Amino acid sequence: MKRLLIGLAAFVFLIAMLYGGIHLFGKIIYESQSCELYNIDNIELRTGINVPQISSTDCECKDNRKVSKFVIDTNTVDVNDYISRNDFTLVDDLYIKENDTKNSTYKVVFNKKTAELIVDLTYKNN
């Protein structure tokens, strides 16, 4: 009986450590304001928009603001499906999604003709 309790306690401890590690890793990605480390993951977490397979990228970070430009690989991504899955709004031939949250403000613009996805993300200091 004692071995069973020790085994069960070890299992619960292992699960708690695994959950804590995953949660901490997610927090590190969310708080990253770099263009190099976890750029796409950070954008996806903060905007809720999937950044699919891309053919090129450009990014600039300065003064709590990050502007990233991606060119989506249209050979592997169905652009119409991409637009519908990410809840874009059509405005003057551009697909836009924007929001102001307690942690950041973002505007995402997708140009269907050029397959360019531009993310303008401003981090708020809390």
C-alpha atoms as a PDB file:
ATOM      1  CA  MET A   1       0.000   0.000   0.000  1.00  0.00           C
ATOM      2  CA  LYS A   2       2.860   2.348   0.853  1.00  0.00           C
ATOM      3  CA  ARG A   3       4.489   1.752  -2.568  1.00  0.00           C
ATOM      4  CA  LEU A   4       1.213   2.522  -4.300  1.00  0.00           C
ATOM      5  CA  LEU A   5       0.884   5.855  -2.459  1.00  0.00           C
ATOM      6  CA  ILE A   6       4.510   6.763  -3.208  1.00  0.00           C
ATOM      7  CA  GLY A   7       4.018   5.835  -6.872  1.00  0.00           C
ATOM      8  CA  LEU A   8       0.798   7.841  -7.059  1.00  0.00           C
ATOM      9  CA  ALA A   9       2.444  10.857  -5.378  1.00  0.00           C
ATOM     10  CA  ALA A  10       5.384  10.654  -7.790  1.00  0.00           C
ATOM     11  CA  PHE A  11       2.997  10.491 -10.743  1.00  0.00           C
ATOM     12  CA  VAL A  12       1.012  13.522  -9.526  1.00  0.00           C
ATOM     13  CA  PHE A  13       4.269  15.412  -8.915  1.00  0.00           C
ATOM     14  CA  LEU A  14       5.474  14.566 -12.441  1.00  0.00           C
ATOM     15  CA  ILE A  15       2.207  15.746 -13.993  1.00  0.00           C
ATOM     16  CA  ALA A  16       2.330  18.980 -11.951  1.00  0.00           C
ATOM     17  CA  MET A  17       5.920  19.630 -13.054  1.00  0.00           C
ATOM     18  CA  LEU A  18       5.024  18.952 -16.695  1.00  0.00           C
ATOM     19  CA  TYR A  19       2.035  21.309 -16.514  1.00  0.00           C
ATOM     20  CA  GLY A  20       4.125  23.997 -14.814  1.00  0.00           C
ATOM     21  CA  GLY A  21       6.883  23.671 -17.428  1.00  0.00           C
ATOM     22  CA  ILE A  22       4.470  23.971 -20.332  1.00  0.00           C
ATOM     23  CA  HIS A  23       2.732  26.939 -18.708  1.00  0.00           C
ATOM     24  CA  LEU A  24       6.074  28.672 -18.093  1.00  0.00           C
ATOM     25  CA  PHE A  25       7.192  28.050 -21.684  1.00  0.00           C
ATOM     26  CA  GLY A  26       3.928  29.569 -22.973  1.00  0.00           C
ATOM     27  CA  LYS A  27       4.471  32.606 -20.761  1.00  0.00           C
ATOM     28  CA  ILE A  28       8.019  33.030 -22.095  1.00  0.00           C
ATOM     29  CA  ILE A  29       6.707  32.952 -25.673  1.00  0.00           C
ATOM     30  CA  TYR A  30       3.869  35.377 -24.862  1.00  0.00           C
ATOM     31  CA  GLU A  31       6.203  37.888 -23.218  1.00  0.00           C
ATOM     32  CA  SER A  32       8.884  37.686 -25.933  1.00  0.00           C
ATOM     33  CA  GLN A  33       9.168  40.979 -27.813  1.00  0.00           C
ATOM     34  CA  SER A  34      11.963  39.903 -30.116  1.00  0.00           C
ATOM     35  CA  CYS A  35      11.989  39.480 -33.870  1.00  0.00           C
ATOM     36  CA  GLU A  36      14.320  36.508 -33.584  1.00  0.00           C
ATOM     37  CA  LEU A  37      13.100  34.311 -30.758  1.00  0.00           C
ATOM     38  CA  TYR A  38       9.524  32.964 -30.994  1.00  0.00           C
ATOM     39  CA  ASN A  39       8.381  35.771 -33.328  1.00  0.00           C
ATOM     40  CA  ILE A  40       5.642  33.812 -35.102  1.00  0.00           C
ATOM     41  CA  ASP A  41       4.505  32.055 -31.916  1.00  0.00           C
ATOM     42  CA  ASN A  42       4.286  35.384 -30.065  1.00  0.00           C
ATOM     43  CA  ILE A  43       2.205  36.898 -32.854  1.00  0.00           C
ATOM     44  CA  GLU A  44      -0.104  33.888 -32.956  1.00  0.00           C
ATOM     45  CA  LEU A  45      -0.666  33.978 -29.180  1.00  0.00           C
ATOM     46  CA  ARG A  46      -1.340  37.710 -29.043  1.00  0.00           C
ATOM     47  CA  THR A  47      -3.491  38.069 -32.177  1.00  0.00           C
ATOM     48  CA  GLY A  48      -5.160  34.685 -32.471  1.00  0.00           C
ATOM     49  CA  ILE A  49      -4.167  34.606 -36.143  1.00  0.00           C
ATOM     50  CA  ASN A  50      -2.364  31.621 -37.587  1.00  0.00           C
ATOM     51  CA  VAL A  51       0.800  32.422 -39.506  1.00  0.00           C
ATOM     52  CA  PRO A  52       0.904  29.597 -42.067  1.00  0.00           C
ATOM     53  CA  GLN A  53       3.754  28.353 -44.244  1.00  0.00           C
ATOM     54  CA  ILE A  54       5.693  31.404 -45.417  1.00  0.00           C
ATOM     55  CA  SER A  55       8.201  32.023 -48.193  1.00  0.00           C
ATOM     56  CA  SER A  56       9.831  35.113 -46.668  1.00  0.00           C
ATOM     57  CA  THR A  57       9.753  37.282 -43.573  1.00  0.00           C
ATOM     58  CA  ASP A  58      10.907  40.692 -42.445  1.00  0.00           C
ATOM     59  CA  CYS A  59      10.630  42.096 -38.935  1.00  0.00           C
ATOM     60  CA  GLU A  60      11.505  45.281 -37.082  1.00  0.00           C
ATOM     61  CA  CYS A  61      11.315  45.754 -33.313  1.00  0.00           C
ATOM     62  CA  LYS A  62      11.665  49.156 -31.699  1.00  0.00           C
ATOM     63  CA  ASP A  63      10.252  50.871 -28.591  1.00  0.00           C
ATOM     64  CA  ASN A  64       7.671  48.239 -27.588  1.00  0.00           C
ATOM     65  CA  ARG A  65       6.473  47.921 -31.188  1.00  0.00           C
ATOM     66  CA  LYS A  66       6.996  45.068 -33.610  1.00  0.00           C
ATOM     67  CA  VAL A  67       6.122  45.178 -37.296  1.00  0.00           C
ATOM     68  CA  SER A  68       6.431  41.838 -39.067  1.00  0.00           C
ATOM     69  CA  LYS A  69       5.853  41.217 -42.751  1.00  0.00           C
ATOM     70  CA  PHE A  70       5.341  37.695 -44.027  1.00  0.00           C
ATOM     71  CA  VAL A  71       4.818  36.477 -47.568  1.00  0.00           C
ATOM     72  CA  ILE A  72       2.578  33.425 -47.442  1.00  0.00           C
ATOM     73  CA  ASP A  73       3.538  30.447 -49.578  1.00  0.00           C
ATOM     74  CA  THR A  74       0.487  30.200 -51.854  1.00  0.00           C
ATOM     75  CA  ASN A  75       1.690  26.856 -53.203  1.00  0.00           C
ATOM     76  CA  THR A  76       0.904  25.209 -49.867  1.00  0.00           C
ATOM     77  CA  VAL A  77      -1.751  27.539 -48.391  1.00  0.00           C
ATOM     78  CA  ASP A  78      -5.315  27.952 -49.671  1.00  0.00           C
ATOM     79  CA  VAL A  79      -5.672  31.723 -49.343  1.00  0.00           C
ATOM     80  CA  ASN A  80      -9.490  31.759 -49.302  1.00  0.00           C
ATOM     81  CA  ASP A  81      -9.567  29.137 -46.556  1.00  0.00           C
ATOM     82  CA  TYR A  82      -6.911  31.094 -44.648  1.00  0.00           C
ATOM     83  CA  ILE A  83      -9.012  34.268 -44.778  1.00  0.00           C
ATOM     84  CA  SER A  84     -12.167  32.544 -43.555  1.00  0.00           C
ATOM     85  CA  ARG A  85     -10.417  30.720 -40.691  1.00  0.00           C
ATOM     86  CA  ASN A  86      -8.878  33.899 -39.264  1.00  0.00           C
ATOM     87  CA  ASP A  87     -11.969  36.149 -39.160  1.00  0.00           C
ATOM     88  CA  PHE A  88     -10.596  38.939 -41.325  1.00  0.00           C
ATOM     89  CA  THR A  89     -12.800  41.866 -42.371  1.00  0.00           C
ATOM     90  CA  LEU A  90     -12.600  43.075 -45.972  1.00  0.00           C
ATOM     91  CA  VAL A  91     -11.749  46.797 -46.183  1.00  0.00           C
ATOM     92  CA  ASP A  92     -10.719  48.333 -49.544  1.00  0.00           C
ATOM     93  CA  ASP A  93      -9.358  45.063 -51.027  1.00  0.00           C
ATOM     94  CA  LEU A  94      -7.392  44.308 -47.831  1.00  0.00           C
ATOM     95  CA  TYR A  95      -8.325  41.824 -45.142  1.00  0.00           C
ATOM     96  CA  ILE A  96      -7.924  43.332 -41.679  1.00  0.00           C
ATOM     97  CA  LYS A  97      -8.156  42.190 -38.088  1.00  0.00           C
ATOM     98  CA  GLU A  98      -7.393  44.529 -35.215  1.00  0.00           C
ATOM     99  CA  ASN A  99      -7.920  44.674 -31.483  1.00  0.00           C
ATOM    100  CA  ASP A 100      -6.848  46.541 -28.364  1.00  0.00           C
ATOM    101  CA  THR A 101      -6.299  44.300 -25.340  1.00  0.00           C
ATOM    102  CA  LYS A 102      -4.940  45.018 -21.882  1.00  0.00           C
ATOM    103  CA  ASN A 103      -1.495  43.713 -22.914  1.00  0.00           C
ATOM    104  CA  SER A 104      -1.157  44.819 -26.525  1.00  0.00           C
ATOM    105  CA  THR A 105      -2.706  46.514 -29.524  1.00  0.00           C
ATOM    106  CA  TYR A 106      -2.478  44.939 -32.942  1.00  0.00           C
ATOM    107  CA  LYS A 107      -3.513  45.416 -36.524  1.00  0.00           C
ATOM    108  CA  VAL A 108      -3.095  42.597 -38.995  1.00  0.00           C
ATOM    109  CA  VAL A 109      -3.436  43.326 -42.707  1.00  0.00           C
ATOM    110  CA  PHE A 110      -3.547  40.604 -45.356  1.00  0.00           C
ATOM    111  CA  ASN A 111      -3.271  41.444 -49.054  1.00  0.00           C
ATOM    112  CA  LYS A 112      -4.765  38.566 -51.028  1.00  0.00           C
ATOM    113  CA  LYS A 113      -3.204  39.669 -54.328  1.00  0.00           C
ATOM    114  CA  THR A 114       0.390  39.746 -53.049  1.00  0.00           C
ATOM    115  CA  ALA A 115      -0.104  37.173 -50.237  1.00  0.00           C
ATOM    116  CA  GLU A 116       1.527  39.612 -47.796  1.00  0.00           C
ATOM    117  CA  LEU A 117       0.590  39.433 -44.147  1.00  0.00           C
ATOM    118  CA  ILE A 118       1.632  42.496 -42.134  1.00  0.00           C
ATOM    119  CA  VAL A 119       1.361  42.460 -38.355  1.00  0.00           C
ATOM    120  CA  ASP A 120       1.718  45.720 -36.441  1.00  0.00           C
ATOM    121  CA  LEU A 121       1.897  44.836 -32.758  1.00  0.00           C
ATOM    122  CA  THR A 122       2.374  47.347 -29.919  1.00  0.00           C
ATOM    123  CA  TYR A 123       3.171  46.000 -26.450  1.00  0.00           C
ATOM    124  CA  LYS A 124       1.724  47.770 -23.440  1.00  0.00           C
ATOM    125  CA  ASN A 125       3.852  47.964 -20.317  1.00  0.00           C
ATOM    126  CA  ASN A 126       1.857  46.627 -17.378  1.00  0.00           C
END
